[in-house]
Amino acid sequence: MTFEVCENCIDFFKILPKDWQESILPHWETIKETTKGYLLIEKQKIISGGLVFSKCPPDMLYAIDEANKWINKGYLYVGFIFVIEERRHQNLGSIWLHNLKQMHPNQKYWLTIEDLKLDAFYTRNDFKKEKILFNDTQEEWLYIFEPKDF
């Protein structure tokens, strides 16, 4: 298994659920210069991936001031982390995050979740709940990661 930067994230987008594709693909041309994709690849097949944004991602425009606050503090936004269905429950999301942190050991990250069932996953991966945001009436939790030596 290898961890690689996407040269062309279009192949990653093809494995995403349709609603995720619809939220990222229309914006890709305008955000690709400030977004990096990272993939876990096994036997030349993408089994997991995610995106790291250095500018406010399209799904966070409802909270652009909050997004810019974290970005201005040097945090990068992590989003669209996905593991293919047949490889779920094999710790690949944690492996993806571990590799990202290893590749960039001094980098701080932030993200948001709507599904609070993901709290245990992100907490286990050293993210801390920071605050609640509201997207209309939808509650989202904002999490941060800071390297241990930070």
N, C-alpha and C. Protein backbone atom coordinates (compact mmCIF):
# COMPACT_ATOMS: atom_id res chain seq x y z
N MET A 1 0.84 -1.17 0.00
CA MET A 1 0.00 0.00 0.00
C MET A 1 0.89 1.24 0.00
N THR A 2 0.55 2.22 -0.84
CA THR A 2 1.32 3.45 -0.89
C THR A 2 0.40 4.64 -0.62
N PHE A 3 1.01 5.72 -0.13
CA PHE A 3 0.32 6.98 0.12
C PHE A 3 0.90 7.98 -0.85
N GLU A 4 0.07 8.54 -1.71
CA GLU A 4 0.56 9.40 -2.79
C GLU A 4 -0.26 10.67 -2.92
N VAL A 5 0.39 11.71 -3.40
CA VAL A 5 -0.33 12.94 -3.77
C VAL A 5 -1.01 12.68 -5.11
N CYS A 6 -2.26 13.10 -5.25
CA CYS A 6 -2.98 12.97 -6.54
C CYS A 6 -2.38 13.93 -7.54
N GLU A 7 -1.99 13.44 -8.65
CA GLU A 7 -1.61 14.32 -9.75
C GLU A 7 -2.88 14.77 -10.46
N ASN A 8 -3.79 13.86 -10.61
CA ASN A 8 -5.08 14.16 -11.24
C ASN A 8 -6.15 13.56 -10.34
N CYS A 9 -6.79 14.37 -9.56
CA CYS A 9 -7.76 13.88 -8.57
C CYS A 9 -9.06 13.39 -9.20
N ILE A 10 -9.21 13.54 -10.50
CA ILE A 10 -10.43 13.09 -11.17
C ILE A 10 -10.66 11.60 -10.91
N ASP A 11 -9.60 10.80 -10.90
CA ASP A 11 -9.76 9.37 -10.60
C ASP A 11 -10.26 9.16 -9.18
N PHE A 12 -9.84 9.99 -8.24
CA PHE A 12 -10.34 9.90 -6.87
C PHE A 12 -11.82 10.26 -6.84
N PHE A 13 -12.21 11.32 -7.55
CA PHE A 13 -13.60 11.75 -7.53
C PHE A 13 -14.54 10.66 -8.03
N LYS A 14 -14.05 9.82 -8.93
CA LYS A 14 -14.89 8.75 -9.48
C LYS A 14 -15.31 7.73 -8.43
N ILE A 15 -14.54 7.58 -7.35
CA ILE A 15 -14.91 6.59 -6.32
C ILE A 15 -15.82 7.20 -5.25
N LEU A 16 -16.01 8.52 -5.27
CA LEU A 16 -16.82 9.19 -4.25
C LEU A 16 -18.31 8.97 -4.51
N PRO A 17 -19.11 9.03 -3.44
CA PRO A 17 -20.57 8.98 -3.63
C PRO A 17 -21.02 10.13 -4.53
N LYS A 18 -22.12 9.94 -5.23
CA LYS A 18 -22.62 10.92 -6.19
C LYS A 18 -22.80 12.31 -5.57
N ASP A 19 -23.37 12.39 -4.35
CA ASP A 19 -23.60 13.70 -3.75
C ASP A 19 -22.29 14.40 -3.40
N TRP A 20 -21.25 13.64 -3.06
CA TRP A 20 -19.93 14.24 -2.80
C TRP A 20 -19.36 14.77 -4.12
N GLN A 21 -19.49 13.97 -5.19
CA GLN A 21 -19.00 14.41 -6.49
C GLN A 21 -19.67 15.73 -6.89
N GLU A 22 -20.98 15.80 -6.66
CA GLU A 22 -21.73 17.00 -7.03
C GLU A 22 -21.31 18.22 -6.23
N SER A 23 -20.77 18.01 -5.03
CA SER A 23 -20.38 19.16 -4.22
C SER A 23 -18.94 19.61 -4.49
N ILE A 24 -18.13 18.76 -5.13
CA ILE A 24 -16.73 19.15 -5.37
C ILE A 24 -16.42 19.38 -6.85
N LEU A 25 -16.94 18.54 -7.74
CA LEU A 25 -16.58 18.63 -9.16
C LEU A 25 -16.87 19.99 -9.81
N PRO A 26 -18.01 20.63 -9.55
CA PRO A 26 -18.26 21.93 -10.20
C PRO A 26 -17.24 23.01 -9.80
N HIS A 27 -16.57 22.82 -8.68
CA HIS A 27 -15.62 23.81 -8.17
C HIS A 27 -14.16 23.47 -8.46
N TRP A 28 -13.91 22.28 -8.96
CA TRP A 28 -12.55 21.76 -9.03
C TRP A 28 -11.60 22.67 -9.81
N GLU A 29 -12.03 23.15 -10.96
CA GLU A 29 -11.14 23.98 -11.78
C GLU A 29 -10.69 25.24 -11.04
N THR A 30 -11.55 25.80 -10.21
CA THR A 30 -11.19 27.04 -9.51
C THR A 30 -10.44 26.79 -8.20
N ILE A 31 -10.53 25.59 -7.65
CA ILE A 31 -9.87 25.33 -6.35
C ILE A 31 -8.68 24.40 -6.43
N LYS A 32 -8.43 23.81 -7.58
CA LYS A 32 -7.38 22.79 -7.65
C LYS A 32 -5.99 23.33 -7.36
N GLU A 33 -5.76 24.61 -7.56
CA GLU A 33 -4.45 25.19 -7.26
C GLU A 33 -4.20 25.31 -5.75
N THR A 34 -5.26 25.33 -4.96
CA THR A 34 -5.11 25.49 -3.51
C THR A 34 -5.58 24.25 -2.76
N THR A 35 -5.69 23.14 -3.48
CA THR A 35 -6.18 21.89 -2.89
C THR A 35 -5.27 20.75 -3.32
N LYS A 36 -4.90 19.91 -2.36
CA LYS A 36 -4.11 18.72 -2.68
C LYS A 36 -4.93 17.49 -2.32
N GLY A 37 -4.85 16.52 -3.19
CA GLY A 37 -5.47 15.23 -2.91
C GLY A 37 -4.41 14.22 -2.51
N TYR A 38 -4.77 13.34 -1.60
CA TYR A 38 -3.86 12.29 -1.15
C TYR A 38 -4.60 10.97 -1.23
N LEU A 39 -3.91 9.95 -1.70
CA LEU A 39 -4.53 8.65 -1.95
C LEU A 39 -3.78 7.52 -1.27
N LEU A 40 -4.53 6.54 -0.82
CA LEU A 40 -3.96 5.25 -0.46
C LEU A 40 -4.23 4.35 -1.66
N ILE A 41 -3.16 3.77 -2.19
CA ILE A 41 -3.27 2.93 -3.39
C ILE A 41 -2.72 1.55 -3.08
N GLU A 42 -3.47 0.56 -3.52
CA GLU A 42 -3.03 -0.83 -3.35
C GLU A 42 -3.26 -1.55 -4.66
N LYS A 43 -2.26 -2.20 -5.17
CA LYS A 43 -2.33 -2.92 -6.44
C LYS A 43 -2.89 -2.02 -7.54
N GLN A 44 -2.39 -0.80 -7.60
CA GLN A 44 -2.75 0.21 -8.60
C GLN A 44 -4.21 0.62 -8.55
N LYS A 45 -4.86 0.41 -7.39
CA LYS A 45 -6.26 0.78 -7.21
C LYS A 45 -6.39 1.75 -6.04
N ILE A 46 -7.15 2.81 -6.23
CA ILE A 46 -7.41 3.75 -5.13
C ILE A 46 -8.35 3.08 -4.14
N ILE A 47 -7.90 2.97 -2.89
CA ILE A 47 -8.75 2.36 -1.87
C ILE A 47 -9.23 3.38 -0.84
N SER A 48 -8.56 4.53 -0.80
CA SER A 48 -8.95 5.60 0.11
C SER A 48 -8.33 6.90 -0.39
N GLY A 49 -8.94 8.00 0.01
CA GLY A 49 -8.39 9.29 -0.37
C GLY A 49 -9.04 10.41 0.41
N GLY A 50 -8.54 11.59 0.18
CA GLY A 50 -9.09 12.77 0.81
C GLY A 50 -8.43 14.01 0.24
N LEU A 51 -9.00 15.16 0.58
CA LEU A 51 -8.50 16.43 0.06
C LEU A 51 -8.07 17.32 1.21
N VAL A 52 -7.06 18.14 0.95
CA VAL A 52 -6.57 19.11 1.93
C VAL A 52 -6.59 20.47 1.24
N PHE A 53 -7.29 21.40 1.87
CA PHE A 53 -7.53 22.73 1.29
C PHE A 53 -6.74 23.78 2.04
N SER A 54 -6.12 24.70 1.29
CA SER A 54 -5.44 25.83 1.92
C SER A 54 -6.27 27.11 1.82
N LYS A 55 -7.42 27.02 1.18
CA LYS A 55 -8.40 28.12 1.12
C LYS A 55 -9.75 27.52 1.48
N CYS A 56 -10.71 28.36 1.80
CA CYS A 56 -12.04 27.89 2.19
C CYS A 56 -12.60 26.95 1.14
N PRO A 57 -12.93 25.71 1.52
CA PRO A 57 -13.49 24.75 0.56
C PRO A 57 -14.95 25.10 0.23
N PRO A 58 -15.44 24.61 -0.90
CA PRO A 58 -16.79 24.97 -1.32
C PRO A 58 -17.88 24.56 -0.33
N ASP A 59 -17.68 23.48 0.39
CA ASP A 59 -18.71 23.05 1.34
C ASP A 59 -18.69 23.84 2.65
N MET A 60 -17.75 24.76 2.80
CA MET A 60 -17.66 25.59 4.02
C MET A 60 -17.98 27.06 3.76
N LEU A 61 -18.46 27.38 2.58
CA LEU A 61 -18.73 28.78 2.25
C LEU A 61 -19.77 29.40 3.19
N TYR A 62 -20.63 28.57 3.77
CA TYR A 62 -21.62 29.09 4.73
C TYR A 62 -20.94 29.67 5.97
N ALA A 63 -19.72 29.27 6.23
CA ALA A 63 -18.97 29.74 7.41
C ALA A 63 -17.61 30.27 6.97
N ILE A 64 -17.59 31.06 5.92
CA ILE A 64 -16.32 31.52 5.35
C ILE A 64 -15.47 32.29 6.36
N ASP A 65 -16.09 33.09 7.22
CA ASP A 65 -15.31 33.83 8.22
C ASP A 65 -14.62 32.88 9.18
N GLU A 66 -15.33 31.85 9.62
CA GLU A 66 -14.74 30.83 10.50
C GLU A 66 -13.62 30.09 9.78
N ALA A 67 -13.87 29.72 8.54
CA ALA A 67 -12.85 29.01 7.74
C ALA A 67 -11.60 29.87 7.61
N ASN A 68 -11.78 31.12 7.27
CA ASN A 68 -10.62 32.00 7.09
C ASN A 68 -9.87 32.22 8.39
N LYS A 69 -10.58 32.21 9.51
CA LYS A 69 -9.92 32.35 10.81
C LYS A 69 -8.91 31.21 11.02
N TRP A 70 -9.31 29.98 10.75
CA TRP A 70 -8.43 28.83 10.94
C TRP A 70 -7.31 28.81 9.90
N ILE A 71 -7.65 29.12 8.66
CA ILE A 71 -6.65 29.14 7.60
C ILE A 71 -5.60 30.21 7.90
N ASN A 72 -6.04 31.36 8.36
CA ASN A 72 -5.09 32.44 8.70
C ASN A 72 -4.19 32.08 9.87
N LYS A 73 -4.61 31.12 10.70
CA LYS A 73 -3.78 30.64 11.81
C LYS A 73 -2.84 29.51 11.37
N GLY A 74 -2.87 29.17 10.08
CA GLY A 74 -1.96 28.14 9.55
C GLY A 74 -2.54 26.75 9.50
N TYR A 75 -3.83 26.59 9.78
CA TYR A 75 -4.48 25.28 9.70
C TYR A 75 -4.93 25.03 8.26
N LEU A 76 -4.85 23.78 7.83
CA LEU A 76 -5.39 23.37 6.54
C LEU A 76 -6.66 22.57 6.79
N TYR A 77 -7.63 22.71 5.91
CA TYR A 77 -8.90 22.01 6.04
C TYR A 77 -8.81 20.62 5.40
N VAL A 78 -9.23 19.62 6.12
CA VAL A 78 -9.25 18.24 5.62
C VAL A 78 -10.70 17.88 5.31
N GLY A 79 -10.94 17.38 4.10
CA GLY A 79 -12.30 17.02 3.73
C GLY A 79 -12.35 15.89 2.73
N PHE A 80 -13.54 15.39 2.53
CA PHE A 80 -13.81 14.37 1.53
C PHE A 80 -12.97 13.11 1.76
N ILE A 81 -12.73 12.77 3.02
CA ILE A 81 -12.01 11.52 3.32
C ILE A 81 -12.96 10.37 3.01
N PHE A 82 -12.49 9.44 2.21
CA PHE A 82 -13.37 8.37 1.76
C PHE A 82 -12.59 7.07 1.63
N VAL A 83 -13.22 5.98 2.04
CA VAL A 83 -12.68 4.62 1.90
C VAL A 83 -13.69 3.83 1.07
N ILE A 84 -13.21 3.12 0.05
CA ILE A 84 -14.13 2.35 -0.78
C ILE A 84 -14.87 1.32 0.08
N GLU A 85 -16.08 1.04 -0.33
CA GLU A 85 -17.00 0.20 0.45
C GLU A 85 -16.38 -1.15 0.86
N GLU A 86 -15.77 -1.84 -0.09
CA GLU A 86 -15.25 -3.18 0.21
C GLU A 86 -14.04 -3.18 1.13
N ARG A 87 -13.50 -2.01 1.44
CA ARG A 87 -12.34 -1.94 2.32
C ARG A 87 -12.63 -1.20 3.64
N ARG A 88 -13.90 -0.99 3.93
CA ARG A 88 -14.27 -0.33 5.19
C ARG A 88 -13.95 -1.22 6.37
N HIS A 89 -13.83 -0.62 7.54
CA HIS A 89 -13.58 -1.33 8.80
C HIS A 89 -12.23 -2.05 8.81
N GLN A 90 -11.27 -1.49 8.08
CA GLN A 90 -9.91 -2.03 8.06
C GLN A 90 -8.90 -0.96 8.49
N ASN A 91 -9.40 0.06 9.15
CA ASN A 91 -8.54 1.12 9.70
C ASN A 91 -7.91 2.01 8.63
N LEU A 92 -8.44 1.99 7.42
CA LEU A 92 -7.81 2.74 6.32
C LEU A 92 -7.97 4.24 6.48
N GLY A 93 -9.06 4.71 7.07
CA GLY A 93 -9.21 6.14 7.34
C GLY A 93 -8.13 6.63 8.29
N SER A 94 -7.87 5.85 9.33
CA SER A 94 -6.80 6.19 10.28
C SER A 94 -5.44 6.12 9.62
N ILE A 95 -5.24 5.12 8.77
CA ILE A 95 -3.96 5.00 8.05
C ILE A 95 -3.77 6.21 7.14
N TRP A 96 -4.84 6.63 6.46
CA TRP A 96 -4.76 7.81 5.59
C TRP A 96 -4.36 9.04 6.41
N LEU A 97 -5.03 9.27 7.54
CA LEU A 97 -4.70 10.42 8.38
C LEU A 97 -3.27 10.33 8.93
N HIS A 98 -2.87 9.15 9.37
CA HIS A 98 -1.52 8.96 9.89
C HIS A 98 -0.48 9.32 8.83
N ASN A 99 -0.69 8.84 7.61
CA ASN A 99 0.25 9.14 6.52
C ASN A 99 0.28 10.63 6.20
N LEU A 100 -0.87 11.27 6.22
CA LEU A 100 -0.91 12.71 5.97
C LEU A 100 -0.09 13.45 7.03
N LYS A 101 -0.29 13.08 8.29
CA LYS A 101 0.44 13.74 9.38
C LYS A 101 1.93 13.42 9.31
N GLN A 102 2.31 12.23 8.89
CA GLN A 102 3.72 11.86 8.75
C GLN A 102 4.37 12.65 7.61
N MET A 103 3.64 12.84 6.53
CA MET A 103 4.17 13.56 5.38
C MET A 103 4.39 15.05 5.70
N HIS A 104 3.55 15.57 6.59
CA HIS A 104 3.61 17.00 6.96
C HIS A 104 3.59 17.10 8.49
N PRO A 105 4.69 16.73 9.15
CA PRO A 105 4.69 16.55 10.61
C PRO A 105 4.42 17.81 11.44
N ASN A 106 4.60 18.98 10.90
CA ASN A 106 4.37 20.20 11.68
C ASN A 106 3.08 20.92 11.30
N GLN A 107 2.27 20.29 10.47
CA GLN A 107 1.07 20.95 9.96
C GLN A 107 -0.11 20.77 10.92
N LYS A 108 -0.89 21.84 11.08
CA LYS A 108 -2.13 21.81 11.85
C LYS A 108 -3.29 21.66 10.86
N TYR A 109 -4.34 20.95 11.30
CA TYR A 109 -5.50 20.70 10.44
C TYR A 109 -6.79 21.02 11.17
N TRP A 110 -7.82 21.28 10.41
CA TRP A 110 -9.16 21.41 10.96
C TRP A 110 -10.14 20.76 9.99
N LEU A 111 -11.31 20.41 10.51
CA LEU A 111 -12.36 19.79 9.70
C LEU A 111 -13.68 19.95 10.42
N THR A 112 -14.75 19.63 9.73
CA THR A 112 -16.06 19.63 10.36
C THR A 112 -16.75 18.31 10.07
N ILE A 113 -17.64 17.92 10.97
CA ILE A 113 -18.46 16.73 10.76
C ILE A 113 -19.91 17.05 11.09
N GLU A 114 -20.81 16.43 10.34
CA GLU A 114 -22.24 16.51 10.62
C GLU A 114 -22.68 15.28 11.40
N ASP A 115 -22.09 14.14 11.06
CA ASP A 115 -22.46 12.86 11.67
C ASP A 115 -21.63 12.65 12.94
N LEU A 116 -22.28 12.83 14.08
CA LEU A 116 -21.55 12.73 15.35
C LEU A 116 -21.04 11.32 15.64
N LYS A 117 -21.47 10.33 14.85
CA LYS A 117 -20.90 8.98 15.00
C LYS A 117 -19.42 8.97 14.62
N LEU A 118 -18.99 9.99 13.88
CA LEU A 118 -17.58 10.09 13.49
C LEU A 118 -16.70 10.67 14.59
N ASP A 119 -17.31 11.14 15.68
CA ASP A 119 -16.54 11.73 16.77
C ASP A 119 -15.46 10.77 17.29
N ALA A 120 -15.81 9.52 17.52
CA ALA A 120 -14.85 8.55 18.07
C ALA A 120 -13.68 8.37 17.10
N PHE A 121 -13.96 8.34 15.80
CA PHE A 121 -12.91 8.17 14.80
C PHE A 121 -11.92 9.33 14.87
N TYR A 122 -12.43 10.55 14.84
CA TYR A 122 -11.52 11.70 14.83
C TYR A 122 -10.82 11.89 16.17
N THR A 123 -11.50 11.61 17.26
CA THR A 123 -10.87 11.69 18.57
C THR A 123 -9.73 10.69 18.67
N ARG A 124 -9.96 9.48 18.19
CA ARG A 124 -8.92 8.44 18.19
C ARG A 124 -7.72 8.84 17.35
N ASN A 125 -7.96 9.72 16.38
CA ASN A 125 -6.88 10.19 15.49
C ASN A 125 -6.36 11.56 15.90
N ASP A 126 -6.50 11.88 17.19
CA ASP A 126 -5.91 13.07 17.81
C ASP A 126 -6.53 14.40 17.39
N PHE A 127 -7.74 14.39 16.88
CA PHE A 127 -8.47 15.63 16.64
C PHE A 127 -9.28 15.95 17.89
N LYS A 128 -9.40 17.24 18.20
CA LYS A 128 -10.16 17.69 19.37
C LYS A 128 -11.36 18.50 18.92
N LYS A 129 -12.51 18.21 19.57
CA LYS A 129 -13.70 19.02 19.33
C LYS A 129 -13.43 20.43 19.77
N GLU A 130 -13.67 21.38 18.89
CA GLU A 130 -13.38 22.77 19.20
C GLU A 130 -14.65 23.59 19.42
N LYS A 131 -15.63 23.44 18.52
CA LYS A 131 -16.84 24.24 18.64
C LYS A 131 -17.93 23.72 17.72
N ILE A 132 -19.14 24.24 17.91
CA ILE A 132 -20.28 23.90 17.05
C ILE A 132 -20.49 25.02 16.05
N LEU A 133 -20.75 24.65 14.80
CA LEU A 133 -21.15 25.58 13.76
C LEU A 133 -22.56 25.20 13.31
N PHE A 134 -23.26 26.14 12.73
CA PHE A 134 -24.59 25.85 12.21
C PHE A 134 -24.66 26.22 10.73
N ASN A 135 -25.05 25.25 9.93
CA ASN A 135 -25.31 25.46 8.51
C ASN A 135 -26.82 25.43 8.37
N ASP A 136 -27.44 26.60 8.37
CA ASP A 136 -28.88 26.74 8.55
C ASP A 136 -29.22 26.10 9.89
N THR A 137 -30.01 25.05 9.88
CA THR A 137 -30.35 24.40 11.15
C THR A 137 -29.49 23.16 11.40
N GLN A 138 -28.64 22.81 10.45
CA GLN A 138 -27.76 21.64 10.59
C GLN A 138 -26.58 21.96 11.50
N GLU A 139 -26.45 21.19 12.56
CA GLU A 139 -25.33 21.35 13.49
C GLU A 139 -24.12 20.60 12.95
N GLU A 140 -22.97 21.26 12.97
CA GLU A 140 -21.71 20.62 12.60
C GLU A 140 -20.69 20.89 13.68
N TRP A 141 -19.85 19.90 13.93
CA TRP A 141 -18.77 20.08 14.91
C TRP A 141 -17.48 20.39 14.18
N LEU A 142 -16.76 21.36 14.68
CA LEU A 142 -15.45 21.71 14.14
C LEU A 142 -14.40 21.06 15.04
N TYR A 143 -13.47 20.35 14.41
CA TYR A 143 -12.37 19.66 15.10
C TYR A 143 -11.05 20.25 14.63
N ILE A 144 -10.07 20.21 15.52
CA ILE A 144 -8.72 20.65 15.16
C ILE A 144 -7.72 19.57 15.52
N PHE A 145 -6.63 19.55 14.77
CA PHE A 145 -5.49 18.70 15.07
C PHE A 145 -4.25 19.60 15.14
N GLU A 146 -3.50 19.44 16.20
CA GLU A 146 -2.22 20.12 16.33
C GLU A 146 -1.15 19.08 16.63
N PRO A 147 -0.01 19.17 15.93
CA PRO A 147 1.06 18.21 16.18
C PRO A 147 1.45 18.23 17.65
N LYS A 148 1.86 17.11 18.18
CA LYS A 148 2.19 16.98 19.60
C LYS A 148 3.28 17.95 20.06
N ASP A 149 4.23 18.24 19.20
CA ASP A 149 5.33 19.14 19.58
C ASP A 149 4.99 20.60 19.33
N PHE A 150 3.74 20.87 18.97
CA PHE A 150 3.38 22.23 18.62
C PHE A 150 3.30 23.12 19.83
